């Protein structure tokens, strides 16, 4: 068993839009069918595809999602561990979630003016 990535990194803002899922592949460097399962460590913000199969000609895909929710700005760390019926299992990849401060939008205008102005305040 081999994993196609060593780590994943997600970047978002506090209470912001959900981050797109990322994938890595479980490669079967042997023969037959490799059955695998995943476990996550780091908290409920991190989820991964729970199980699958990989053949030597067809790798399995693990989809990883994060939910930054109302996290304070900072870095959060997790691990996805893949176990399987292979001599070189388990294997793990690291996951980093970078959460930035939420931007505030300031709108201004003059009564009767048809042009509004908006600026992002950090």
PDB file of N, CA and C in Angstrom:
ATOM      1  N   UNK A   1       0.840  -1.171   0.000  1.00  0.00           N
ATOM      2  CA  UNK A   1       0.000   0.000   0.000  1.00  0.00           C
ATOM      3  C   UNK A   1       0.891   1.242   0.000  1.00  0.00           C
ATOM      4  N   UNK A   2       0.520   2.195  -0.835  1.00  0.00           N
ATOM      5  CA  UNK A   2       1.176   3.494  -0.891  1.00  0.00           C
ATOM      6  C   UNK A   2       0.101   4.576  -0.922  1.00  0.00           C
ATOM      7  N   UNK A   3       0.402   5.731  -0.326  1.00  0.00           N
ATOM      8  CA  UNK A   3      -0.500   6.880  -0.395  1.00  0.00           C
ATOM      9  C   UNK A   3       0.086   7.895  -1.362  1.00  0.00           C
ATOM     10  N   UNK A   4      -0.773   8.533  -2.143  1.00  0.00           N
ATOM     11  CA  UNK A   4      -0.301   9.457  -3.183  1.00  0.00           C
ATOM     12  C   UNK A   4       0.144  10.809  -2.631  1.00  0.00           C
ATOM     13  N   UNK A   5      -0.195  11.122  -1.397  1.00  0.00           N
ATOM     14  CA  UNK A   5       0.178  12.414  -0.800  1.00  0.00           C
ATOM     15  C   UNK A   5       0.723  12.178   0.597  1.00  0.00           C
ATOM     16  N   UNK A   6       1.553  13.119   1.051  1.00  0.00           N
ATOM     17  CA  UNK A   6       2.062  13.070   2.429  1.00  0.00           C
ATOM     18  C   UNK A   6       1.256  13.982   3.349  1.00  0.00           C
ATOM     19  N   UNK A   7       0.558  14.943   2.761  1.00  0.00           N
ATOM     20  CA  UNK A   7      -0.222  15.864   3.571  1.00  0.00           C
ATOM     21  C   UNK A   7      -1.166  16.693   2.721  1.00  0.00           C
ATOM     22  N   UNK A   8      -2.133  17.324   3.409  1.00  0.00           N
ATOM     23  CA  UNK A   8      -3.097  18.208   2.777  1.00  0.00           C
ATOM     24  C   UNK A   8      -3.158  19.496   3.583  1.00  0.00           C
ATOM     25  N   UNK A   9      -3.411  20.604   2.894  1.00  0.00           N
ATOM     26  CA  UNK A   9      -3.536  21.892   3.569  1.00  0.00           C
ATOM     27  C   UNK A   9      -4.794  22.597   3.077  1.00  0.00           C
ATOM     28  N   UNK A  10      -5.580  23.077   4.025  1.00  0.00           N
ATOM     29  CA  UNK A  10      -6.799  23.824   3.751  1.00  0.00           C
ATOM     30  C   UNK A  10      -6.646  25.214   4.344  1.00  0.00           C
ATOM     31  N   UNK A  11      -7.188  26.235   3.668  1.00  0.00           N
ATOM     32  CA  UNK A  11      -7.129  27.603   4.168  1.00  0.00           C
ATOM     33  C   UNK A  11      -8.502  28.234   4.041  1.00  0.00           C
ATOM     34  N   UNK A  12      -8.969  28.823   5.132  1.00  0.00           N
ATOM     35  CA  UNK A  12     -10.280  29.469   5.129  1.00  0.00           C
ATOM     36  C   UNK A  12     -10.324  30.592   6.130  1.00  0.00           C
ATOM     37  N   UNK A  13     -11.498  31.187   6.274  1.00  0.00           N
ATOM     38  CA  UNK A  13     -11.676  32.259   7.235  1.00  0.00           C
ATOM     39  C   UNK A  13     -12.677  31.843   8.300  1.00  0.00           C
ATOM     40  N   UNK A  14     -12.578  32.489   9.434  1.00  0.00           N
ATOM     41  CA  UNK A  14     -13.454  32.222  10.560  1.00  0.00           C
ATOM     42  C   UNK A  14     -14.905  32.389  10.128  1.00  0.00           C
ATOM     43  N   UNK A  15     -15.722  31.382  10.382  1.00  0.00           N
ATOM     44  CA  UNK A  15     -17.146  31.362  10.008  1.00  0.00           C
ATOM     45  C   UNK A  15     -17.341  31.587   8.516  1.00  0.00           C
ATOM     46  N   UNK A  16     -16.335  31.235   7.717  1.00  0.00           N
ATOM     47  CA  UNK A  16     -16.391  31.482   6.283  1.00  0.00           C
ATOM     48  C   UNK A  16     -17.012  30.349   5.504  1.00  0.00           C
ATOM     49  N   UNK A  17     -16.905  30.464   4.209  1.00  0.00           N
ATOM     50  CA  UNK A  17     -17.438  29.476   3.277  1.00  0.00           C
ATOM     51  C   UNK A  17     -16.698  28.157   3.466  1.00  0.00           C
ATOM     52  N   UNK A  18     -17.431  27.064   3.382  1.00  0.00           N
ATOM     53  CA  UNK A  18     -16.829  25.737   3.510  1.00  0.00           C
ATOM     54  C   UNK A  18     -15.746  25.533   2.456  1.00  0.00           C
ATOM     55  N   UNK A  19     -14.674  24.907   2.859  1.00  0.00           N
ATOM     56  CA  UNK A  19     -13.562  24.656   1.955  1.00  0.00           C
ATOM     57  C   UNK A  19     -13.858  23.451   1.063  1.00  0.00           C
ATOM     58  N   UNK A  20     -13.404  23.500  -0.195  1.00  0.00           N
ATOM     59  CA  UNK A  20     -13.620  22.346  -1.072  1.00  0.00           C
ATOM     60  C   UNK A  20     -12.883  21.116  -0.535  1.00  0.00           C
ATOM     61  N   UNK A  21     -13.479  19.964  -0.732  1.00  0.00           N
ATOM     62  CA  UNK A  21     -12.846  18.709  -0.326  1.00  0.00           C
ATOM     63  C   UNK A  21     -11.572  18.486  -1.139  1.00  0.00           C
ATOM     64  N   UNK A  22     -10.647  17.743  -0.560  1.00  0.00           N
ATOM     65  CA  UNK A  22      -9.427  17.347  -1.268  1.00  0.00           C
ATOM     66  C   UNK A  22      -9.332  15.827  -1.224  1.00  0.00           C
ATOM     67  N   UNK A  23      -8.596  15.269  -2.183  1.00  0.00           N
ATOM     68  CA  UNK A  23      -8.474  13.815  -2.282  1.00  0.00           C
ATOM     69  C   UNK A  23      -7.022  13.386  -2.288  1.00  0.00           C
ATOM     70  N   UNK A  24      -6.811  12.163  -1.842  1.00  0.00           N
ATOM     71  CA  UNK A  24      -5.555  11.468  -2.090  1.00  0.00           C
ATOM     72  C   UNK A  24      -5.889  10.026  -2.438  1.00  0.00           C
ATOM     73  N   UNK A  25      -4.945   9.357  -3.056  1.00  0.00           N
ATOM     74  CA  UNK A  25      -5.199   8.018  -3.562  1.00  0.00           C
ATOM     75  C   UNK A  25      -4.506   6.963  -2.700  1.00  0.00           C
ATOM     76  N   UNK A  26      -5.170   5.813  -2.578  1.00  0.00           N
ATOM     77  CA  UNK A  26      -4.590   4.633  -1.944  1.00  0.00           C
ATOM     78  C   UNK A  26      -4.188   3.706  -3.082  1.00  0.00           C
ATOM     79  N   UNK A  27      -2.881   3.478  -3.214  1.00  0.00           N
ATOM     80  CA  UNK A  27      -2.350   2.663  -4.309  1.00  0.00           C
ATOM     81  C   UNK A  27      -2.042   1.257  -3.819  1.00  0.00           C
ATOM     82  N   UNK A  28      -2.398   0.283  -4.608  1.00  0.00           N
ATOM     83  CA  UNK A  28      -2.119  -1.114  -4.293  1.00  0.00           C
ATOM     84  C   UNK A  28      -0.873  -1.525  -5.064  1.00  0.00           C
ATOM     85  N   UNK A  29       0.242  -1.667  -4.343  1.00  0.00           N
ATOM     86  CA  UNK A  29       1.486  -2.067  -5.004  1.00  0.00           C
ATOM     87  C   UNK A  29       1.679  -3.583  -4.980  1.00  0.00           C
ATOM     88  N   UNK A  30       0.615  -4.302  -4.663  1.00  0.00           N
ATOM     89  CA  UNK A  30       0.647  -5.760  -4.674  1.00  0.00           C
ATOM     90  C   UNK A  30      -0.327  -6.293  -5.710  1.00  0.00           C
ATOM     91  N   UNK A  31      -0.769  -7.502  -5.498  1.00  0.00           N
ATOM     92  CA  UNK A  31      -1.737  -8.097  -6.423  1.00  0.00           C
ATOM     93  C   UNK A  31      -3.058  -8.294  -5.691  1.00  0.00           C
ATOM     94  N   UNK A  32      -4.106  -8.532  -6.445  1.00  0.00           N
ATOM     95  CA  UNK A  32      -5.416  -8.751  -5.845  1.00  0.00           C
ATOM     96  C   UNK A  32      -6.061  -7.442  -5.418  1.00  0.00           C
ATOM     97  N   UNK A  33      -6.980  -7.566  -4.476  1.00  0.00           N
ATOM     98  CA  UNK A  33      -7.729  -6.413  -3.993  1.00  0.00           C
ATOM     99  C   UNK A  33      -7.245  -6.026  -2.604  1.00  0.00           C
ATOM    100  N   UNK A  34      -6.979  -4.745  -2.425  1.00  0.00           N
ATOM    101  CA  UNK A  34      -6.595  -4.201  -1.119  1.00  0.00           C
ATOM    102  C   UNK A  34      -7.826  -3.528  -0.513  1.00  0.00           C
ATOM    103  N   UNK A  35      -8.278  -4.038   0.606  1.00  0.00           N
ATOM    104  CA  UNK A  35      -9.384  -3.421   1.339  1.00  0.00           C
ATOM    105  C   UNK A  35      -8.791  -2.478   2.376  1.00  0.00           C
ATOM    106  N   UNK A  36      -9.296  -1.234   2.437  1.00  0.00           N
ATOM    107  CA  UNK A  36      -8.735  -0.262   3.371  1.00  0.00           C
ATOM    108  C   UNK A  36      -9.836   0.487   4.114  1.00  0.00           C
ATOM    109  N   UNK A  37      -9.472   1.012   5.275  1.00  0.00           N
ATOM    110  CA  UNK A  37     -10.349   1.859   6.069  1.00  0.00           C
ATOM    111  C   UNK A  37      -9.538   3.061   6.549  1.00  0.00           C
ATOM    112  N   UNK A  38     -10.242   4.126   6.943  1.00  0.00           N
ATOM    113  CA  UNK A  38      -9.549   5.309   7.458  1.00  0.00           C
ATOM    114  C   UNK A  38     -10.031   5.635   8.860  1.00  0.00           C
ATOM    115  N   UNK A  39      -9.172   6.334   9.582  1.00  0.00           N
ATOM    116  CA  UNK A  39      -9.503   6.925  10.870  1.00  0.00           C
ATOM    117  C   UNK A  39      -8.919   8.329  10.870  1.00  0.00           C
ATOM    118  N   UNK A  40      -9.624   9.262  11.512  1.00  0.00           N
ATOM    119  CA  UNK A  40      -9.108  10.624  11.622  1.00  0.00           C
ATOM    120  C   UNK A  40      -8.806  10.940  13.075  1.00  0.00           C
ATOM    121  N   UNK A  41      -7.792  11.783  13.264  1.00  0.00           N
ATOM    122  CA  UNK A  41      -7.439  12.296  14.587  1.00  0.00           C
ATOM    123  C   UNK A  41      -7.312  13.805  14.467  1.00  0.00           C
ATOM    124  N   UNK A  42      -7.734  14.510  15.487  1.00  0.00           N
ATOM    125  CA  UNK A  42      -7.596  15.959  15.483  1.00  0.00           C
ATOM    126  C   UNK A  42      -8.859  16.676  15.887  1.00  0.00           C
ATOM    127  N   UNK A  43      -9.990  16.032  15.735  1.00  0.00           N
ATOM    128  CA  UNK A  43     -11.246  16.653  16.142  1.00  0.00           C
ATOM    129  C   UNK A  43     -12.346  16.418  15.128  1.00  0.00           C
ATOM    130  N   UNK A  44     -13.545  16.835  15.494  1.00  0.00           N
ATOM    131  CA  UNK A  44     -14.709  16.598  14.636  1.00  0.00           C
ATOM    132  C   UNK A  44     -14.703  17.476  13.383  1.00  0.00           C
ATOM    133  N   UNK A  45     -13.778  18.431  13.284  1.00  0.00           N
ATOM    134  CA  UNK A  45     -13.684  19.293  12.103  1.00  0.00           C
ATOM    135  C   UNK A  45     -13.136  18.539  10.892  1.00  0.00           C
ATOM    136  N   UNK A  46     -12.570  17.351  11.106  1.00  0.00           N
ATOM    137  CA  UNK A  46     -11.891  16.600  10.050  1.00  0.00           C
ATOM    138  C   UNK A  46     -12.634  15.302   9.775  1.00  0.00           C
ATOM    139  N   UNK A  47     -13.001  15.081   8.507  1.00  0.00           N
ATOM    140  CA  UNK A  47     -13.645  13.823   8.121  1.00  0.00           C
ATOM    141  C   UNK A  47     -12.988  13.289   6.850  1.00  0.00           C
ATOM    142  N   UNK A  48     -13.078  11.970   6.676  1.00  0.00           N
ATOM    143  CA  UNK A  48     -12.506  11.320   5.496  1.00  0.00           C
ATOM    144  C   UNK A  48     -13.389  10.149   5.095  1.00  0.00           C
ATOM    145  N   UNK A  49     -13.338   9.792   3.806  1.00  0.00           N
ATOM    146  CA  UNK A  49     -14.022   8.605   3.319  1.00  0.00           C
ATOM    147  C   UNK A  49     -13.663   7.444   4.241  1.00  0.00           C
ATOM    148  N   UNK A  50     -14.644   6.677   4.678  1.00  0.00           N
ATOM    149  CA  UNK A  50     -14.381   5.683   5.721  1.00  0.00           C
ATOM    150  C   UNK A  50     -13.738   4.386   5.239  1.00  0.00           C
ATOM    151  N   UNK A  51     -13.997   3.978   3.992  1.00  0.00           N
ATOM    152  CA  UNK A  51     -13.418   2.713   3.532  1.00  0.00           C
ATOM    153  C   UNK A  51     -13.495   2.619   2.011  1.00  0.00           C
ATOM    154  N   UNK A  52     -12.775   1.633   1.477  1.00  0.00           N
ATOM    155  CA  UNK A  52     -12.798   1.405   0.046  1.00  0.00           C
ATOM    156  C   UNK A  52     -11.901   0.256  -0.333  1.00  0.00           C
ATOM    157  N   UNK A  53     -11.706   0.105  -1.641  1.00  0.00           N
ATOM    158  CA  UNK A  53     -10.821  -0.926  -2.170  1.00  0.00           C
ATOM    159  C   UNK A  53      -9.884  -0.312  -3.191  1.00  0.00           C
ATOM    160  N   UNK A  54      -8.754  -0.970  -3.377  1.00  0.00           N
ATOM    161  CA  UNK A  54      -7.801  -0.571  -4.409  1.00  0.00           C
ATOM    162  C   UNK A  54      -7.256  -1.830  -5.062  1.00  0.00           C
ATOM    163  N   UNK A  55      -7.162  -1.787  -6.379  1.00  0.00           N
ATOM    164  CA  UNK A  55      -6.551  -2.881  -7.121  1.00  0.00           C
ATOM    165  C   UNK A  55      -5.281  -2.335  -7.756  1.00  0.00           C
ATOM    166  N   UNK A  56      -4.413  -3.191  -8.220  1.00  0.00           N
ATOM    167  CA  UNK A  56      -3.156  -2.714  -8.800  1.00  0.00           C
ATOM    168  C   UNK A  56      -3.397  -1.817 -10.012  1.00  0.00           C
ATOM    169  N   UNK A  57      -4.509  -2.017 -10.701  1.00  0.00           N
ATOM    170  CA  UNK A  57      -4.815  -1.201 -11.874  1.00  0.00           C
ATOM    171  C   UNK A  57      -5.788  -0.060 -11.579  1.00  0.00           C
ATOM    172  N   UNK A  58      -6.317   0.000 -10.358  1.00  0.00           N
ATOM    173  CA  UNK A  58      -7.335   0.995 -10.021  1.00  0.00           C
ATOM    174  C   UNK A  58      -7.198   1.418  -8.561  1.00  0.00           C
ATOM    175  N   UNK A  59      -6.564   2.572  -8.318  1.00  0.00           N
ATOM    176  CA  UNK A  59      -6.400   3.014  -6.929  1.00  0.00           C
ATOM    177  C   UNK A  59      -7.726   3.428  -6.303  1.00  0.00           C
ATOM    178  N   UNK A  60      -7.757   3.454  -4.986  1.00  0.00           N
ATOM    179  CA  UNK A  60      -8.924   3.935  -4.253  1.00  0.00           C
ATOM    180  C   UNK A  60      -8.732   5.395  -3.893  1.00  0.00           C
ATOM    181  N   UNK A  61      -9.815   6.148  -3.818  1.00  0.00           N
ATOM    182  CA  UNK A  61      -9.747   7.575  -3.493  1.00  0.00           C
ATOM    183  C   UNK A  61     -10.276   7.824  -2.089  1.00  0.00           C
ATOM    184  N   UNK A  62      -9.541   8.640  -1.342  1.00  0.00           N
ATOM    185  CA  UNK A  62      -9.983   9.089  -0.024  1.00  0.00           C
ATOM    186  C   UNK A  62     -10.312  10.571  -0.152  1.00  0.00           C
ATOM    187  N   UNK A  63     -11.550  10.937   0.156  1.00  0.00           N
ATOM    188  CA  UNK A  63     -11.977  12.330   0.134  1.00  0.00           C
ATOM    189  C   UNK A  63     -11.916  12.876   1.552  1.00  0.00           C
ATOM    190  N   UNK A  64     -11.218  14.006   1.712  1.00  0.00           N
ATOM    191  CA  UNK A  64     -11.034  14.623   3.024  1.00  0.00           C
ATOM    192  C   UNK A  64     -11.750  15.968   3.021  1.00  0.00           C
ATOM    193  N   UNK A  65     -12.553  16.207   4.059  1.00  0.00           N
ATOM    194  CA  UNK A  65     -13.251  17.486   4.200  1.00  0.00           C
ATOM    195  C   UNK A  65     -12.955  18.072   5.576  1.00  0.00           C
ATOM    196  N   UNK A  66     -13.008  19.406   5.637  1.00  0.00           N
ATOM    197  CA  UNK A  66     -12.824  20.110   6.905  1.00  0.00           C
ATOM    198  C   UNK A  66     -13.985  21.077   7.100  1.00  0.00           C
ATOM    199  N   UNK A  67     -14.254  21.390   8.359  1.00  0.00           N
ATOM    200  CA  UNK A  67     -15.280  22.363   8.708  1.00  0.00           C
ATOM    201  C   UNK A  67     -14.669  23.322   9.717  1.00  0.00           C
ATOM    202  N   UNK A  68     -14.321  24.533   9.254  1.00  0.00           N
ATOM    203  CA  UNK A  68     -13.668  25.483  10.143  1.00  0.00           C
ATOM    204  C   UNK A  68     -14.628  26.111  11.135  1.00  0.00           C
ATOM    205  N   UNK A  69     -15.939  25.983  10.902  1.00  0.00           N
ATOM    206  CA  UNK A  69     -16.946  26.450  11.850  1.00  0.00           C
ATOM    207  C   UNK A  69     -16.621  27.803  12.437  1.00  0.00           C
ATOM    208  N   UNK A  70     -16.690  27.896  13.739  1.00  0.00           N
ATOM    209  CA  UNK A  70     -16.404  29.142  14.444  1.00  0.00           C
ATOM    210  C   UNK A  70     -15.021  29.122  15.089  1.00  0.00           C
ATOM    211  N   UNK A  71     -14.092  28.413  14.473  1.00  0.00           N
ATOM    212  CA  UNK A  71     -12.736  28.356  15.022  1.00  0.00           C
ATOM    213  C   UNK A  71     -12.125  29.745  15.100  1.00  0.00           C
ATOM    214  N   UNK A  72     -11.345  29.970  16.122  1.00  0.00           N
ATOM    215  CA  UNK A  72     -10.555  31.196  16.211  1.00  0.00           C
ATOM    216  C   UNK A  72      -9.457  31.127  15.162  1.00  0.00           C
ATOM    217  N   UNK A  73      -8.976  32.283  14.696  1.00  0.00           N
ATOM    218  CA  UNK A  73      -7.881  32.263  13.734  1.00  0.00           C
ATOM    219  C   UNK A  73      -6.682  31.489  14.302  1.00  0.00           C
ATOM    220  N   UNK A  74      -6.041  30.719  13.446  1.00  0.00           N
ATOM    221  CA  UNK A  74      -4.884  29.923  13.849  1.00  0.00           C
ATOM    222  C   UNK A  74      -4.738  28.704  12.970  1.00  0.00           C
ATOM    223  N   UNK A  75      -3.847  27.808  13.381  1.00  0.00           N
ATOM    224  CA  UNK A  75      -3.629  26.558  12.653  1.00  0.00           C
ATOM    225  C   UNK A  75      -4.132  25.395  13.486  1.00  0.00           C
ATOM    226  N   UNK A  76      -4.776  24.458  12.811  1.00  0.00           N
ATOM    227  CA  UNK A  76      -5.295  23.256  13.451  1.00  0.00           C
ATOM    228  C   UNK A  76      -4.730  22.058  12.708  1.00  0.00           C
ATOM    229  N   UNK A  77      -4.360  21.017  13.454  1.00  0.00           N
ATOM    230  CA  UNK A  77      -3.658  19.885  12.873  1.00  0.00           C
ATOM    231  C   UNK A  77      -4.440  18.602  13.073  1.00  0.00           C
ATOM    232  N   UNK A  78      -4.411  17.756  12.058  1.00  0.00           N
ATOM    233  CA  UNK A  78      -5.061  16.461  12.134  1.00  0.00           C
ATOM    234  C   UNK A  78      -4.274  15.425  11.356  1.00  0.00           C
ATOM    235  N   UNK A  79      -4.713  14.188  11.469  1.00  0.00           N
ATOM    236  CA  UNK A  79      -4.064  13.065  10.781  1.00  0.00           C
ATOM    237  C   UNK A  79      -5.156  12.162  10.211  1.00  0.00           C
ATOM    238  N   UNK A  80      -4.946  11.693   8.997  1.00  0.00           N
ATOM    239  CA  UNK A  80      -5.785  10.651   8.420  1.00  0.00           C
ATOM    240  C   UNK A  80      -4.913   9.408   8.305  1.00  0.00           C
ATOM    241  N   UNK A  81      -5.322   8.336   8.970  1.00  0.00           N
ATOM    242  CA  UNK A  81      -4.583   7.077   8.944  1.00  0.00           C
ATOM    243  C   UNK A  81      -5.357   6.064   8.116  1.00  0.00           C
ATOM    244  N   UNK A  82      -4.657   5.421   7.194  1.00  0.00           N
ATOM    245  CA  UNK A  82      -5.249   4.391   6.335  1.00  0.00           C
ATOM    246  C   UNK A  82      -4.682   3.045   6.761  1.00  0.00           C
ATOM    247  N   UNK A  83      -5.572   2.133   7.111  1.00  0.00           N
ATOM    248  CA  UNK A  83      -5.170   0.769   7.440  1.00  0.00           C
ATOM    249  C   UNK A  83      -5.750  -0.163   6.389  1.00  0.00           C
ATOM    250  N   UNK A  84      -5.094  -1.282   6.198  1.00  0.00           N
ATOM    251  CA  UNK A  84      -5.578  -2.228   5.200  1.00  0.00           C
ATOM    252  C   UNK A  84      -4.907  -3.565   5.347  1.00  0.00           C
ATOM    253  N   UNK A  85      -5.334  -4.509   4.521  1.00  0.00           N
ATOM    254  CA  UNK A  85      -4.761  -5.846   4.562  1.00  0.00           C
ATOM    255  C   UNK A  85      -3.500  -5.890   3.710  1.00  0.00           C
ATOM    256  N   UNK A  86      -2.499  -5.126   4.157  1.00  0.00           N
ATOM    257  CA  UNK A  86      -1.217  -5.011   3.469  1.00  0.00           C
ATOM    258  C   UNK A  86      -0.107  -4.998   4.518  1.00  0.00           C
ATOM    259  N   UNK A  87       1.028  -5.570   4.177  1.00  0.00           N
ATOM    260  CA  UNK A  87       2.148  -5.622   5.121  1.00  0.00           C
ATOM    261  C   UNK A  87       2.677  -4.236   5.465  1.00  0.00           C
ATOM    262  N   UNK A  88       2.529  -3.265   4.560  1.00  0.00           N
ATOM    263  CA  UNK A  88       3.044  -1.917   4.814  1.00  0.00           C
ATOM    264  C   UNK A  88       1.967  -0.950   5.310  1.00  0.00           C
ATOM    265  N   UNK A  89       0.945  -1.485   5.954  1.00  0.00           N
ATOM    266  CA  UNK A  89      -0.108  -0.658   6.562  1.00  0.00           C
ATOM    267  C   UNK A  89       0.085  -0.690   8.077  1.00  0.00           C
ATOM    268  N   UNK A  90      -0.312   0.312   8.810  1.00  0.00           N
ATOM    269  CA  UNK A  90      -1.010   1.523   8.386  1.00  0.00           C
ATOM    270  C   UNK A  90      -0.045   2.598   7.877  1.00  0.00           C
ATOM    271  N   UNK A  91      -0.626   3.566   7.157  1.00  0.00           N
ATOM    272  CA  UNK A  91       0.102   4.752   6.705  1.00  0.00           C
ATOM    273  C   UNK A  91      -0.767   5.971   6.967  1.00  0.00           C
ATOM    274  N   UNK A  92      -0.109   7.116   7.177  1.00  0.00           N
ATOM    275  CA  UNK A  92      -0.840   8.329   7.556  1.00  0.00           C
ATOM    276  C   UNK A  92      -0.417   9.521   6.728  1.00  0.00           C
ATOM    277  N   UNK A  93      -1.318  10.489   6.615  1.00  0.00           N
ATOM    278  CA  UNK A  93      -0.979  11.792   6.052  1.00  0.00           C
ATOM    279  C   UNK A  93      -1.417  12.857   7.062  1.00  0.00           C
ATOM    280  N   UNK A  94      -0.721  13.970   7.053  1.00  0.00           N
ATOM    281  CA  UNK A  94      -1.069  15.073   7.947  1.00  0.00           C
ATOM    282  C   UNK A  94      -2.030  16.026   7.245  1.00  0.00           C
ATOM    283  N   UNK A  95      -2.852  16.697   8.043  1.00  0.00           N
ATOM    284  CA  UNK A  95      -3.801  17.679   7.534  1.00  0.00           C
ATOM    285  C   UNK A  95      -3.631  18.955   8.356  1.00  0.00           C
ATOM    286  N   UNK A  96      -3.482  20.075   7.659  1.00  0.00           N
ATOM    287  CA  UNK A  96      -3.378  21.375   8.321  1.00  0.00           C
ATOM    288  C   UNK A  96      -4.545  22.236   7.861  1.00  0.00           C
ATOM    289  N   UNK A  97      -5.237  22.831   8.822  1.00  0.00           N
ATOM    290  CA  UNK A  97      -6.315  23.772   8.541  1.00  0.00           C
ATOM    291  C   UNK A  97      -5.868  25.145   9.030  1.00  0.00           C
ATOM    292  N   UNK A  98      -5.699  26.069   8.109  1.00  0.00           N
ATOM    293  CA  UNK A  98      -5.325  27.450   8.433  1.00  0.00           C
ATOM    294  C   UNK A  98      -6.592  28.290   8.444  1.00  0.00           C
ATOM    295  N   UNK A  99      -6.914  28.888   9.577  1.00  0.00           N
ATOM    296  CA  UNK A  99      -8.107  29.721   9.704  1.00  0.00           C
ATOM    297  C   UNK A  99      -7.667  31.168   9.908  1.00  0.00           C
ATOM    298  N   UNK A 100      -8.098  32.039   9.005  1.00  0.00           N
ATOM    299  CA  UNK A 100      -7.797  33.462   9.106  1.00  0.00           C
ATOM    300  C   UNK A 100      -8.973  34.210   9.706  1.00  0.00           C
ATOM    301  N   UNK A 101      -8.719  35.442  10.112  1.00  0.00           N
ATOM    302  CA  UNK A 101      -9.777  36.276  10.681  1.00  0.00           C
ATOM    303  C   UNK A 101     -10.828  36.576   9.624  1.00  0.00           C
ATOM    304  N   UNK A 102     -12.049  36.691  10.075  1.00  0.00           N
ATOM    305  CA  UNK A 102     -13.154  37.008   9.173  1.00  0.00           C
ATOM    306  C   UNK A 102     -13.032  38.460   8.729  1.00  0.00           C
ATOM    307  N   UNK A 103     -13.186  38.675   7.429  1.00  0.00           N
ATOM    308  CA  UNK A 103     -13.195  40.037   6.895  1.00  0.00           C
ATOM    309  C   UNK A 103     -14.552  40.660   7.163  1.00  0.00           C
ATOM    310  N   UNK A 104     -14.538  41.950   7.386  1.00  0.00           N
ATOM    311  CA  UNK A 104     -15.794  42.677   7.552  1.00  0.00           C
ATOM    312  C   UNK A 104     -15.964  43.591   6.351  1.00  0.00           C
ATOM    313  N   UNK A 105     -17.168  43.684   5.884  1.00  0.00           N
ATOM    314  CA  UNK A 105     -17.459  44.528   4.730  1.00  0.00           C
ATOM    315  C   UNK A 105     -18.098  45.819   5.227  1.00  0.00           C
ATOM    316  N   UNK A 106     -17.505  46.922   4.842  1.00  0.00           N
ATOM    317  CA  UNK A 106     -18.029  48.228   5.232  1.00  0.00           C
ATOM    318  C   UNK A 106     -18.615  48.890   3.994  1.00  0.00           C
ATOM    319  N   UNK A 107     -19.860  49.276   4.075  1.00  0.00           N
ATOM    320  CA  UNK A 107     -20.520  49.959   2.969  1.00  0.00           C
ATOM    321  C   UNK A 107     -20.750  51.414   3.372  1.00  0.00           C
ATOM    322  N   UNK A 108     -20.584  52.285   2.429  1.00  0.00           N
ATOM    323  CA  UNK A 108     -20.832  53.702   2.717  1.00  0.00           C
ATOM    324  C   UNK A 108     -21.512  54.334   1.521  1.00  0.00           C
ATOM    325  N   UNK A 109     -22.223  55.372   1.771  1.00  0.00           N
ATOM    326  CA  UNK A 109     -22.904  56.077   0.700  1.00  0.00           C
ATOM    327  C   UNK A 109     -23.446  57.398   1.213  1.00  0.00           C
ATOM    328  N   UNK A 110     -23.815  58.210   0.310  1.00  0.00           N
ATOM    329  CA  UNK A 110     -24.384  59.507   0.634  1.00  0.00           C
ATOM    330  C   UNK A 110     -25.856  59.444   0.266  1.00  0.00           C
ATOM    331  N   UNK A 111     -26.750  59.857   1.180  1.00  0.00           N
ATOM    332  CA  UNK A 111     -28.180  59.817   0.843  1.00  0.00           C
ATOM    333  C   UNK A 111     -28.450  60.527  -0.477  1.00  0.00           C
ATOM    334  N   UNK A 112     -29.186  59.867  -1.335  1.00  0.00           N
ATOM    335  CA  UNK A 112     -29.513  60.419  -2.636  1.00  0.00           C
ATOM    336  C   UNK A 112     -28.463  60.123  -3.707  1.00  0.00           C
ATOM    337  N   UNK A 113     -27.287  59.624  -3.280  1.00  0.00           N
ATOM    338  CA  UNK A 113     -26.221  59.264  -4.216  1.00  0.00           C
ATOM    339  C   UNK A 113     -26.528  57.880  -4.786  1.00  0.00           C
ATOM    340  N   UNK A 114     -26.390  57.679  -6.065  1.00  0.00           N
ATOM    341  CA  UNK A 114     -26.686  56.386  -6.669  1.00  0.00           C
ATOM    342  C   UNK A 114     -25.474  55.465  -6.692  1.00  0.00           C
ATOM    343  N   UNK A 115     -24.344  55.914  -6.217  1.00  0.00           N
ATOM    344  CA  UNK A 115     -23.150  55.082  -6.200  1.00  0.00           C
ATOM    345  C   UNK A 115     -22.821  54.693  -4.758  1.00  0.00           C
ATOM    346  N   UNK A 116     -22.740  53.413  -4.517  1.00  0.00           N
ATOM    347  CA  UNK A 116     -22.352  52.918  -3.195  1.00  0.00           C
ATOM    348  C   UNK A 116     -20.884  52.542  -3.232  1.00  0.00           C
ATOM    349  N   UNK A 117     -20.278  52.556  -2.084  1.00  0.00           N
ATOM    350  CA  UNK A 117     -18.870  52.188  -1.971  1.00  0.00           C
ATOM    351  C   UNK A 117     -18.750  51.085  -0.942  1.00  0.00           C
ATOM    352  N   UNK A 118     -17.925  50.101  -1.242  1.00  0.00           N
ATOM    353  CA  UNK A 118     -17.695  49.001  -0.298  1.00  0.00           C
ATOM    354  C   UNK A 118     -16.195  48.789  -0.176  1.00  0.00           C
ATOM    355  N   UNK A 119     -15.761  48.486   1.021  1.00  0.00           N
ATOM    356  CA  UNK A 119     -14.358  48.159   1.243  1.00  0.00           C
ATOM    357  C   UNK A 119     -14.268  47.059   2.273  1.00  0.00           C
ATOM    358  N   UNK A 120     -13.231  46.245   2.166  1.00  0.00           N
ATOM    359  CA  UNK A 120     -13.008  45.146   3.108  1.00  0.00           C
ATOM    360  C   UNK A 120     -12.120  45.672   4.214  1.00  0.00           C
ATOM    361  N   UNK A 121     -12.567  45.443   5.437  1.00  0.00           N
ATOM    362  CA  UNK A 121     -11.812  45.860   6.609  1.00  0.00           C
ATOM    363  C   UNK A 121     -11.283  44.599   7.275  1.00  0.00           C
ATOM    364  N   UNK A 122      -9.968  44.486   7.440  1.00  0.00           N
ATOM    365  CA  UNK A 122      -9.385  43.260   7.998  1.00  0.00           C
ATOM    366  C   UNK A 122      -9.361  43.175   9.448  1.00  0.00           C
TER     367      UNK A 122
END
